[in-house]
Amino acid sequence: MSAPLRVLIVDDEAPARRRLRDLLADIEGELPNVVVAEAADGIEALESLDAQSADVALVDIRMPRLDGIGLVQQLARRQGSPAVIFTTAYDQYAVRAFELSAVDYLLKPVRAQRLLAALKKLAHPGSDAELLRRLAPEGRRHLTSTERGRVLLVPLAEILYLKAELKYVTAHTRERDYLVEESLVHLEQEFIERFVRVHRSCLVAREAIAGCERGLDADGETRWQVLLQGSPEKLPVSRRQWPQIKALLKEE
């Protein structure tokens, strides 16, 4: 006998979560399942998945803090993420988009047989990158950082620069720094319009660059350094990247 399907319910409304739990109990005879956790928004869902894995997540679209689309964008970059089935009470444009893709949806109020049919398909959140681009053409607006068992959202607009340090990337803002478990190479590829490489281990937000000046590096050599808006920090520019930075400054 196969193990029951492990389900995570993500919805900011408690009655909606209860309804899904009741429907899952109703179809348990046809499809064995167990609700491993409930979450009221995308951040709680990520924290739950850090503690307990799931096979599928039933995800509402409109939620505070981190909505359903933002959650799926984050899950698509995690290993072992659950399959995702969206739930929605409106957003007809999104429903039409889902119908064209492998990602399924449930229109509220959810019906038991429709839920059963959706669970039997189990679409993976990372399986349709084109769908995510249609639903959120601007891409991710946040990175996530796990700190003391909590998931923190790091707005891209607040990041001055990203620096690779050991096996982590540190996102530096004016207020504080955050550890991000993503590679610098992948971040550069995803956010090529927002960040520019100044060194093999550092990406700088284009809008944060105030200028450049010559200065001494840690080895006592004279080289160009990037000046940042609203920050006293100066970041060394490698000889290889200097032509690109020089051209960027001329454009401005």
C-alpha atoms as a PDB file:
ATOM      1  CA  MET A   1       0.000   0.000   0.000  1.00  0.00           C
ATOM      2  CA  SER A   2       1.443   3.400  -1.012  1.00  0.00           C
ATOM      3  CA  ALA A   3       2.002   6.134   1.559  1.00  0.00           C
ATOM      4  CA  PRO A   4      -0.713   8.800   1.839  1.00  0.00           C
ATOM      5  CA  LEU A   5      -0.255  12.024  -0.101  1.00  0.00           C
ATOM      6  CA  ARG A   6       1.254  14.715   2.156  1.00  0.00           C
ATOM      7  CA  VAL A   7      -0.629  17.993   1.697  1.00  0.00           C
ATOM      8  CA  LEU A   8       0.218  21.565   2.725  1.00  0.00           C
ATOM      9  CA  ILE A   9      -2.715  24.016   2.767  1.00  0.00           C
ATOM     10  CA  VAL A  10      -1.828  27.684   2.186  1.00  0.00           C
ATOM     11  CA  ASP A  11      -4.619  30.266   2.495  1.00  0.00           C
ATOM     12  CA  ASP A  12      -4.962  33.449   4.546  1.00  0.00           C
ATOM     13  CA  GLU A  13      -8.598  32.665   5.418  1.00  0.00           C
ATOM     14  CA  ALA A  14      -9.191  30.070   8.140  1.00  0.00           C
ATOM     15  CA  PRO A  15     -12.622  28.984   6.772  1.00  0.00           C
ATOM     16  CA  ALA A  16     -11.042  28.263   3.379  1.00  0.00           C
ATOM     17  CA  ARG A  17      -8.357  26.146   5.040  1.00  0.00           C
ATOM     18  CA  ARG A  18     -11.004  24.229   7.004  1.00  0.00           C
ATOM     19  CA  ARG A  19     -13.008  23.565   3.838  1.00  0.00           C
ATOM     20  CA  LEU A  20      -9.983  22.132   2.061  1.00  0.00           C
ATOM     21  CA  ARG A  21      -9.170  19.968   5.066  1.00  0.00           C
ATOM     22  CA  ASP A  22     -12.778  18.659   5.121  1.00  0.00           C
ATOM     23  CA  LEU A  23     -12.718  17.969   1.366  1.00  0.00           C
ATOM     24  CA  LEU A  24      -9.445  16.083   1.697  1.00  0.00           C
ATOM     25  CA  ALA A  25     -11.057  13.952   4.394  1.00  0.00           C
ATOM     26  CA  ASP A  26     -14.030  13.324   2.076  1.00  0.00           C
ATOM     27  CA  ILE A  27     -11.830  11.977  -0.747  1.00  0.00           C
ATOM     28  CA  GLU A  28      -9.444  10.045   1.481  1.00  0.00           C
ATOM     29  CA  GLY A  29     -11.106   6.762   0.526  1.00  0.00           C
ATOM     30  CA  GLU A  30     -10.265   7.331  -3.147  1.00  0.00           C
ATOM     31  CA  LEU A  31      -6.929   9.074  -2.578  1.00  0.00           C
ATOM     32  CA  PRO A  32      -5.250   8.525   0.817  1.00  0.00           C
ATOM     33  CA  ASN A  33      -3.866  11.823   2.109  1.00  0.00           C
ATOM     34  CA  VAL A  34      -2.719  13.601   5.241  1.00  0.00           C
ATOM     35  CA  VAL A  35      -2.519  17.346   5.906  1.00  0.00           C
ATOM     36  CA  VAL A  36       1.000  17.876   7.248  1.00  0.00           C
ATOM     37  CA  ALA A  37       0.666  21.631   7.850  1.00  0.00           C
ATOM     38  CA  GLU A  38      -1.377  24.773   7.250  1.00  0.00           C
ATOM     39  CA  ALA A  39      -0.063  28.272   6.497  1.00  0.00           C
ATOM     40  CA  ALA A  40      -1.711  31.692   6.285  1.00  0.00           C
ATOM     41  CA  ASP A  41       0.679  33.107   3.682  1.00  0.00           C
ATOM     42  CA  GLY A  42       3.728  32.302   1.569  1.00  0.00           C
ATOM     43  CA  ILE A  43       6.248  33.016   4.303  1.00  0.00           C
ATOM     44  CA  GLU A  44       4.562  30.636   6.743  1.00  0.00           C
ATOM     45  CA  ALA A  45       4.459  28.056   3.955  1.00  0.00           C
ATOM     46  CA  LEU A  46       8.234  28.312   3.394  1.00  0.00           C
ATOM     47  CA  GLU A  47       8.853  28.020   7.133  1.00  0.00           C
ATOM     48  CA  SER A  48       6.586  24.959   7.293  1.00  0.00           C
ATOM     49  CA  LEU A  49       8.440  23.313   4.420  1.00  0.00           C
ATOM     50  CA  ASP A  50      11.757  23.884   6.178  1.00  0.00           C
ATOM     51  CA  ALA A  51      10.426  21.747   9.027  1.00  0.00           C
ATOM     52  CA  GLN A  52       8.126  19.309   7.200  1.00  0.00           C
ATOM     53  CA  SER A  53       8.197  18.183   3.574  1.00  0.00           C
ATOM     54  CA  ALA A  54       5.027  17.854   1.498  1.00  0.00           C
ATOM     55  CA  ASP A  55       4.067  16.218  -1.774  1.00  0.00           C
ATOM     56  CA  VAL A  56       1.615  18.921  -2.837  1.00  0.00           C
ATOM     57  CA  ALA A  57       0.640  22.407  -1.717  1.00  0.00           C
ATOM     58  CA  LEU A  58      -2.839  23.863  -2.211  1.00  0.00           C
ATOM     59  CA  VAL A  59      -2.021  27.555  -2.579  1.00  0.00           C
ATOM     60  CA  ASP A  60      -4.310  30.591  -2.553  1.00  0.00           C
ATOM     61  CA  ILE A  61      -3.298  33.358  -4.982  1.00  0.00           C
ATOM     62  CA  ARG A  62      -4.052  36.535  -3.042  1.00  0.00           C
ATOM     63  CA  MET A  63      -2.422  36.581   0.391  1.00  0.00           C
ATOM     64  CA  PRO A  64      -0.561  39.170   2.496  1.00  0.00           C
ATOM     65  CA  ARG A  65       3.234  39.408   2.761  1.00  0.00           C
ATOM     66  CA  LEU A  66       4.100  36.763   0.138  1.00  0.00           C
ATOM     67  CA  ASP A  67       1.265  35.810  -2.235  1.00  0.00           C
ATOM     68  CA  GLY A  68       0.748  32.566  -4.144  1.00  0.00           C
ATOM     69  CA  ILE A  69       2.681  33.632  -7.243  1.00  0.00           C
ATOM     70  CA  GLY A  70       5.597  34.812  -5.112  1.00  0.00           C
ATOM     71  CA  LEU A  71       5.564  31.542  -3.188  1.00  0.00           C
ATOM     72  CA  VAL A  72       5.733  29.480  -6.376  1.00  0.00           C
ATOM     73  CA  GLN A  73       8.619  31.626  -7.636  1.00  0.00           C
ATOM     74  CA  GLN A  74      10.518  30.810  -4.449  1.00  0.00           C
ATOM     75  CA  LEU A  75       9.603  27.109  -4.513  1.00  0.00           C
ATOM     76  CA  ALA A  76      10.810  26.797  -8.106  1.00  0.00           C
ATOM     77  CA  ARG A  77      14.349  27.471  -6.831  1.00  0.00           C
ATOM     78  CA  ARG A  78      14.248  24.952  -3.982  1.00  0.00           C
ATOM     79  CA  GLN A  79      15.226  21.327  -4.172  1.00  0.00           C
ATOM     80  CA  GLY A  80      12.477  18.862  -3.302  1.00  0.00           C
ATOM     81  CA  SER A  81       9.655  21.429  -3.440  1.00  0.00           C
ATOM     82  CA  PRO A  82       6.081  20.156  -3.432  1.00  0.00           C
ATOM     83  CA  ALA A  83       3.819  20.190  -6.452  1.00  0.00           C
ATOM     84  CA  VAL A  84       1.522  23.225  -6.446  1.00  0.00           C
ATOM     85  CA  ILE A  85      -2.190  23.560  -7.196  1.00  0.00           C
ATOM     86  CA  PHE A  86      -3.534  27.100  -7.049  1.00  0.00           C
ATOM     87  CA  THR A  87      -6.871  28.038  -5.503  1.00  0.00           C
ATOM     88  CA  THR A  88      -8.678  31.251  -6.429  1.00  0.00           C
ATOM     89  CA  ALA A  89     -12.027  32.945  -5.944  1.00  0.00           C
ATOM     90  CA  TYR A  90     -11.600  35.333  -8.869  1.00  0.00           C
ATOM     91  CA  ASP A  91      -8.699  36.324 -11.168  1.00  0.00           C
ATOM     92  CA  GLN A  92     -10.306  34.936 -14.298  1.00  0.00           C
ATOM     93  CA  TYR A  93      -7.297  36.010 -16.368  1.00  0.00           C
ATOM     94  CA  ALA A  94      -5.137  33.760 -14.209  1.00  0.00           C
ATOM     95  CA  VAL A  95      -7.593  30.880 -14.524  1.00  0.00           C
ATOM     96  CA  ARG A  96      -7.317  31.096 -18.323  1.00  0.00           C
ATOM     97  CA  ALA A  97      -3.530  31.083 -18.039  1.00  0.00           C
ATOM     98  CA  PHE A  98      -3.583  28.012 -15.800  1.00  0.00           C
ATOM     99  CA  GLU A  99      -5.770  26.178 -18.307  1.00  0.00           C
ATOM    100  CA  LEU A 100      -3.001  26.545 -20.891  1.00  0.00           C
ATOM    101  CA  SER A 101      -0.319  25.061 -18.649  1.00  0.00           C
ATOM    102  CA  ALA A 102       0.607  22.029 -16.571  1.00  0.00           C
ATOM    103  CA  VAL A 103      -0.098  23.942 -13.349  1.00  0.00           C
ATOM    104  CA  ASP A 104      -3.633  23.247 -12.154  1.00  0.00           C
ATOM    105  CA  TYR A 105      -6.053  25.500 -10.298  1.00  0.00           C
ATOM    106  CA  LEU A 106      -9.173  25.153  -8.182  1.00  0.00           C
ATOM    107  CA  LEU A 107     -11.900  27.762  -8.450  1.00  0.00           C
ATOM    108  CA  LYS A 108     -13.541  28.545  -5.090  1.00  0.00           C
ATOM    109  CA  PRO A 109     -15.792  27.212  -3.729  1.00  0.00           C
ATOM    110  CA  VAL A 110     -13.759  24.054  -4.265  1.00  0.00           C
ATOM    111  CA  ARG A 111     -15.662  20.824  -5.013  1.00  0.00           C
ATOM    112  CA  ALA A 112     -14.526  17.405  -3.846  1.00  0.00           C
ATOM    113  CA  GLN A 113     -14.365  15.736  -7.276  1.00  0.00           C
ATOM    114  CA  ARG A 114     -12.546  18.715  -8.790  1.00  0.00           C
ATOM    115  CA  LEU A 115     -10.006  18.552  -5.959  1.00  0.00           C
ATOM    116  CA  LEU A 116      -9.575  14.824  -6.511  1.00  0.00           C
ATOM    117  CA  ALA A 117      -8.976  15.322 -10.240  1.00  0.00           C
ATOM    118  CA  ALA A 118      -6.426  18.072  -9.592  1.00  0.00           C
ATOM    119  CA  LEU A 119      -4.503  16.027  -7.021  1.00  0.00           C
ATOM    120  CA  LYS A 120      -4.235  13.150  -9.450  1.00  0.00           C
ATOM    121  CA  LYS A 121      -2.409  15.429 -11.937  1.00  0.00           C
ATOM    122  CA  LEU A 122       0.147  16.908  -9.496  1.00  0.00           C
ATOM    123  CA  ALA A 123       1.932  19.578 -11.523  1.00  0.00           C
ATOM    124  CA  HIS A 124       5.352  20.691 -10.284  1.00  0.00           C
ATOM    125  CA  PRO A 125       5.834  24.442  -9.711  1.00  0.00           C
ATOM    126  CA  GLY A 126       9.078  24.569 -11.637  1.00  0.00           C
ATOM    127  CA  SER A 127       7.739  22.734 -14.676  1.00  0.00           C
ATOM    128  CA  ASP A 128       6.389  25.755 -16.525  1.00  0.00           C
ATOM    129  CA  ALA A 129       8.694  28.784 -16.439  1.00  0.00           C
ATOM    130  CA  GLU A 130       6.706  30.407 -19.246  1.00  0.00           C
ATOM    131  CA  LEU A 131       3.570  30.331 -17.087  1.00  0.00           C
ATOM    132  CA  LEU A 132       5.340  32.192 -14.287  1.00  0.00           C
ATOM    133  CA  ARG A 133       6.572  34.791 -16.756  1.00  0.00           C
ATOM    134  CA  ARG A 134       2.992  35.358 -17.969  1.00  0.00           C
ATOM    135  CA  LEU A 135       1.549  35.640 -14.473  1.00  0.00           C
ATOM    136  CA  ALA A 136       4.395  37.751 -13.046  1.00  0.00           C
ATOM    137  CA  PRO A 137       6.323  39.291 -15.981  1.00  0.00           C
ATOM    138  CA  GLU A 138       8.363  41.482 -13.625  1.00  0.00           C
ATOM    139  CA  GLY A 139       9.824  38.355 -12.014  1.00  0.00           C
ATOM    140  CA  ARG A 140      10.665  37.948  -8.351  1.00  0.00           C
ATOM    141  CA  ARG A 141      10.522  41.051  -6.195  1.00  0.00           C
ATOM    142  CA  HIS A 142      12.147  39.442  -3.155  1.00  0.00           C
ATOM    143  CA  LEU A 143      14.904  37.062  -2.146  1.00  0.00           C
ATOM    144  CA  THR A 144      14.424  34.950   0.968  1.00  0.00           C
ATOM    145  CA  SER A 145      16.744  34.508   3.916  1.00  0.00           C
ATOM    146  CA  THR A 146      16.324  31.958   6.706  1.00  0.00           C
ATOM    147  CA  GLU A 147      17.307  33.253  10.122  1.00  0.00           C
ATOM    148  CA  ARG A 148      16.727  31.523  13.463  1.00  0.00           C
ATOM    149  CA  GLY A 149      13.998  29.352  11.975  1.00  0.00           C
ATOM    150  CA  ARG A 150      12.208  32.303  10.346  1.00  0.00           C
ATOM    151  CA  VAL A 151      11.977  33.150   6.652  1.00  0.00           C
ATOM    152  CA  LEU A 152      12.695  36.815   5.938  1.00  0.00           C
ATOM    153  CA  LEU A 153      11.799  38.625   2.721  1.00  0.00           C
ATOM    154  CA  VAL A 154      14.574  40.776   1.246  1.00  0.00           C
ATOM    155  CA  PRO A 155      13.163  43.310  -1.261  1.00  0.00           C
ATOM    156  CA  LEU A 156      15.293  43.436  -4.396  1.00  0.00           C
ATOM    157  CA  ALA A 157      14.830  47.207  -4.546  1.00  0.00           C
ATOM    158  CA  GLU A 158      16.669  47.572  -1.216  1.00  0.00           C
ATOM    159  CA  ILE A 159      19.720  45.470  -2.113  1.00  0.00           C
ATOM    160  CA  LEU A 160      22.869  47.529  -2.782  1.00  0.00           C
ATOM    161  CA  TYR A 161      25.065  44.583  -3.693  1.00  0.00           C
ATOM    162  CA  LEU A 162      25.345  40.797  -3.534  1.00  0.00           C
ATOM    163  CA  LYS A 163      28.604  39.191  -2.474  1.00  0.00           C
ATOM    164  CA  ALA A 164      29.594  35.525  -2.584  1.00  0.00           C
ATOM    165  CA  GLU A 165      31.133  34.387   0.698  1.00  0.00           C
ATOM    166  CA  LEU A 166      31.972  30.708   1.192  1.00  0.00           C
ATOM    167  CA  LYS A 167      28.860  28.696   0.204  1.00  0.00           C
ATOM    168  CA  TYR A 168      26.427  31.574   0.756  1.00  0.00           C
ATOM    169  CA  VAL A 169      25.640  34.888  -0.888  1.00  0.00           C
ATOM    170  CA  THR A 170      25.261  37.929   1.338  1.00  0.00           C
ATOM    171  CA  ALA A 171      22.691  40.531   0.300  1.00  0.00           C
ATOM    172  CA  HIS A 172      23.772  43.941   1.588  1.00  0.00           C
ATOM    173  CA  THR A 173      21.167  46.670   2.185  1.00  0.00           C
ATOM    174  CA  ARG A 174      21.504  50.060   3.877  1.00  0.00           C
ATOM    175  CA  GLU A 175      19.926  48.646   7.024  1.00  0.00           C
ATOM    176  CA  ARG A 176      21.585  45.228   7.387  1.00  0.00           C
ATOM    177  CA  ASP A 177      22.941  42.111   5.672  1.00  0.00           C
ATOM    178  CA  TYR A 178      21.121  38.840   4.872  1.00  0.00           C
ATOM    179  CA  LEU A 179      22.434  35.377   4.021  1.00  0.00           C
ATOM    180  CA  VAL A 180      20.832  33.978   0.865  1.00  0.00           C
ATOM    181  CA  GLU A 181      21.113  30.314  -0.143  1.00  0.00           C
ATOM    182  CA  GLU A 182      21.366  30.934  -3.901  1.00  0.00           C
ATOM    183  CA  SER A 183      24.377  31.035  -6.203  1.00  0.00           C
ATOM    184  CA  LEU A 184      25.771  34.332  -7.454  1.00  0.00           C
ATOM    185  CA  VAL A 185      25.806  32.982 -11.015  1.00  0.00           C
ATOM    186  CA  HIS A 186      22.091  32.162 -10.964  1.00  0.00           C
ATOM    187  CA  LEU A 187      21.230  35.506  -9.370  1.00  0.00           C
ATOM    188  CA  GLU A 188      23.204  37.312 -12.059  1.00  0.00           C
ATOM    189  CA  GLN A 189      21.375  35.429 -14.801  1.00  0.00           C
ATOM    190  CA  GLU A 190      17.948  36.033 -13.279  1.00  0.00           C
ATOM    191  CA  PHE A 191      18.477  39.719 -12.490  1.00  0.00           C
ATOM    192  CA  ILE A 192      20.805  40.766 -15.306  1.00  0.00           C
ATOM    193  CA  GLU A 193      18.866  44.035 -15.789  1.00  0.00           C
ATOM    194  CA  ARG A 194      19.148  45.009 -12.110  1.00  0.00           C
ATOM    195  CA  PHE A 195      22.692  44.000 -11.120  1.00  0.00           C
ATOM    196  CA  VAL A 196      26.097  44.321 -12.796  1.00  0.00           C
ATOM    197  CA  ARG A 197      29.181  42.283 -11.942  1.00  0.00           C
ATOM    198  CA  VAL A 198      32.123  44.322 -10.619  1.00  0.00           C
ATOM    199  CA  HIS A 199      34.216  41.402  -9.422  1.00  0.00           C
ATOM    200  CA  ARG A 200      34.047  37.612  -9.692  1.00  0.00           C
ATOM    201  CA  SER A 201      32.427  37.490  -6.247  1.00  0.00           C
ATOM    202  CA  CYS A 202      30.294  40.644  -6.309  1.00  0.00           C
ATOM    203  CA  LEU A 203      27.208  42.021  -8.106  1.00  0.00           C
ATOM    204  CA  VAL A 204      26.159  45.659  -7.596  1.00  0.00           C
ATOM    205  CA  ALA A 205      22.712  47.166  -8.144  1.00  0.00           C
ATOM    206  CA  ARG A 206      22.988  49.445 -11.176  1.00  0.00           C
ATOM    207  CA  GLU A 207      20.835  52.104  -9.519  1.00  0.00           C
ATOM    208  CA  ALA A 208      23.055  52.072  -6.412  1.00  0.00           C
ATOM    209  CA  ILE A 209      26.234  53.078  -8.270  1.00  0.00           C
ATOM    210  CA  ALA A 210      27.159  56.699  -7.481  1.00  0.00           C
ATOM    211  CA  GLY A 211      30.473  56.701  -9.358  1.00  0.00           C
ATOM    212  CA  CYS A 212      34.016  55.354  -9.247  1.00  0.00           C
ATOM    213  CA  GLU A 213      37.357  56.453  -7.843  1.00  0.00           C
ATOM    214  CA  ARG A 214      40.877  55.098  -7.643  1.00  0.00           C
ATOM    215  CA  GLY A 215      41.991  53.627  -4.351  1.00  0.00           C
ATOM    216  CA  LEU A 216      44.197  51.006  -2.726  1.00  0.00           C
ATOM    217  CA  ASP A 217      42.936  47.448  -2.430  1.00  0.00           C
ATOM    218  CA  ALA A 218      43.748  44.966   0.365  1.00  0.00           C
ATOM    219  CA  ASP A 219      47.063  44.120  -1.331  1.00  0.00           C
ATOM    220  CA  GLY A 220      48.107  47.758  -1.595  1.00  0.00           C
ATOM    221  CA  GLU A 221      47.510  47.926  -5.341  1.00  0.00           C
ATOM    222  CA  THR A 222      45.790  50.891  -6.951  1.00  0.00           C
ATOM    223  CA  ARG A 223      42.540  50.018  -8.689  1.00  0.00           C
ATOM    224  CA  TRP A 224      39.103  51.412  -9.432  1.00  0.00           C
ATOM    225  CA  GLN A 225      36.425  51.204  -6.761  1.00  0.00           C
ATOM    226  CA  VAL A 226      32.651  51.591  -7.046  1.00  0.00           C
ATOM    227  CA  LEU A 227      31.020  54.253  -4.860  1.00  0.00           C
ATOM    228  CA  LEU A 228      27.513  53.482  -3.572  1.00  0.00           C
ATOM    229  CA  GLN A 229      24.537  55.777  -3.097  1.00  0.00           C
ATOM    230  CA  GLY A 230      23.963  56.452   0.602  1.00  0.00           C
ATOM    231  CA  SER A 231      26.750  54.129   1.761  1.00  0.00           C
ATOM    232  CA  PRO A 232      30.398  54.722   2.722  1.00  0.00           C
ATOM    233  CA  GLU A 233      31.413  51.327   1.323  1.00  0.00           C
ATOM    234  CA  LYS A 234      33.683  51.158  -1.700  1.00  0.00           C
ATOM    235  CA  LEU A 235      33.762  47.971  -3.762  1.00  0.00           C
ATOM    236  CA  PRO A 236      36.826  46.992  -5.814  1.00  0.00           C
ATOM    237  CA  VAL A 237      36.368  46.594  -9.559  1.00  0.00           C
ATOM    238  CA  SER A 238      38.374  43.865 -11.267  1.00  0.00           C
ATOM    239  CA  ARG A 239      40.400  44.737 -14.353  1.00  0.00           C
ATOM    240  CA  ARG A 240      38.248  42.346 -16.341  1.00  0.00           C
ATOM    241  CA  GLN A 241      35.016  44.101 -15.344  1.00  0.00           C
ATOM    242  CA  TRP A 242      36.275  47.694 -15.507  1.00  0.00           C
ATOM    243  CA  PRO A 243      35.416  48.247 -19.228  1.00  0.00           C
ATOM    244  CA  GLN A 244      31.782  47.276 -18.517  1.00  0.00           C
ATOM    245  CA  ILE A 245      31.553  49.555 -15.474  1.00  0.00           C
ATOM    246  CA  LYS A 246      33.210  52.407 -17.365  1.00  0.00           C
ATOM    247  CA  ALA A 247      30.679  52.042 -20.198  1.00  0.00           C
ATOM    248  CA  LEU A 248      27.812  51.961 -17.701  1.00  0.00           C
ATOM    249  CA  LEU A 249      28.969  55.224 -16.125  1.00  0.00           C
ATOM    250  CA  LYS A 250      29.173  56.880 -19.549  1.00  0.00           C
ATOM    251  CA  GLU A 251      25.582  55.847 -20.281  1.00  0.00           C
ATOM    252  CA  GLU A 252      24.435  57.703 -17.188  1.00  0.00           C
END
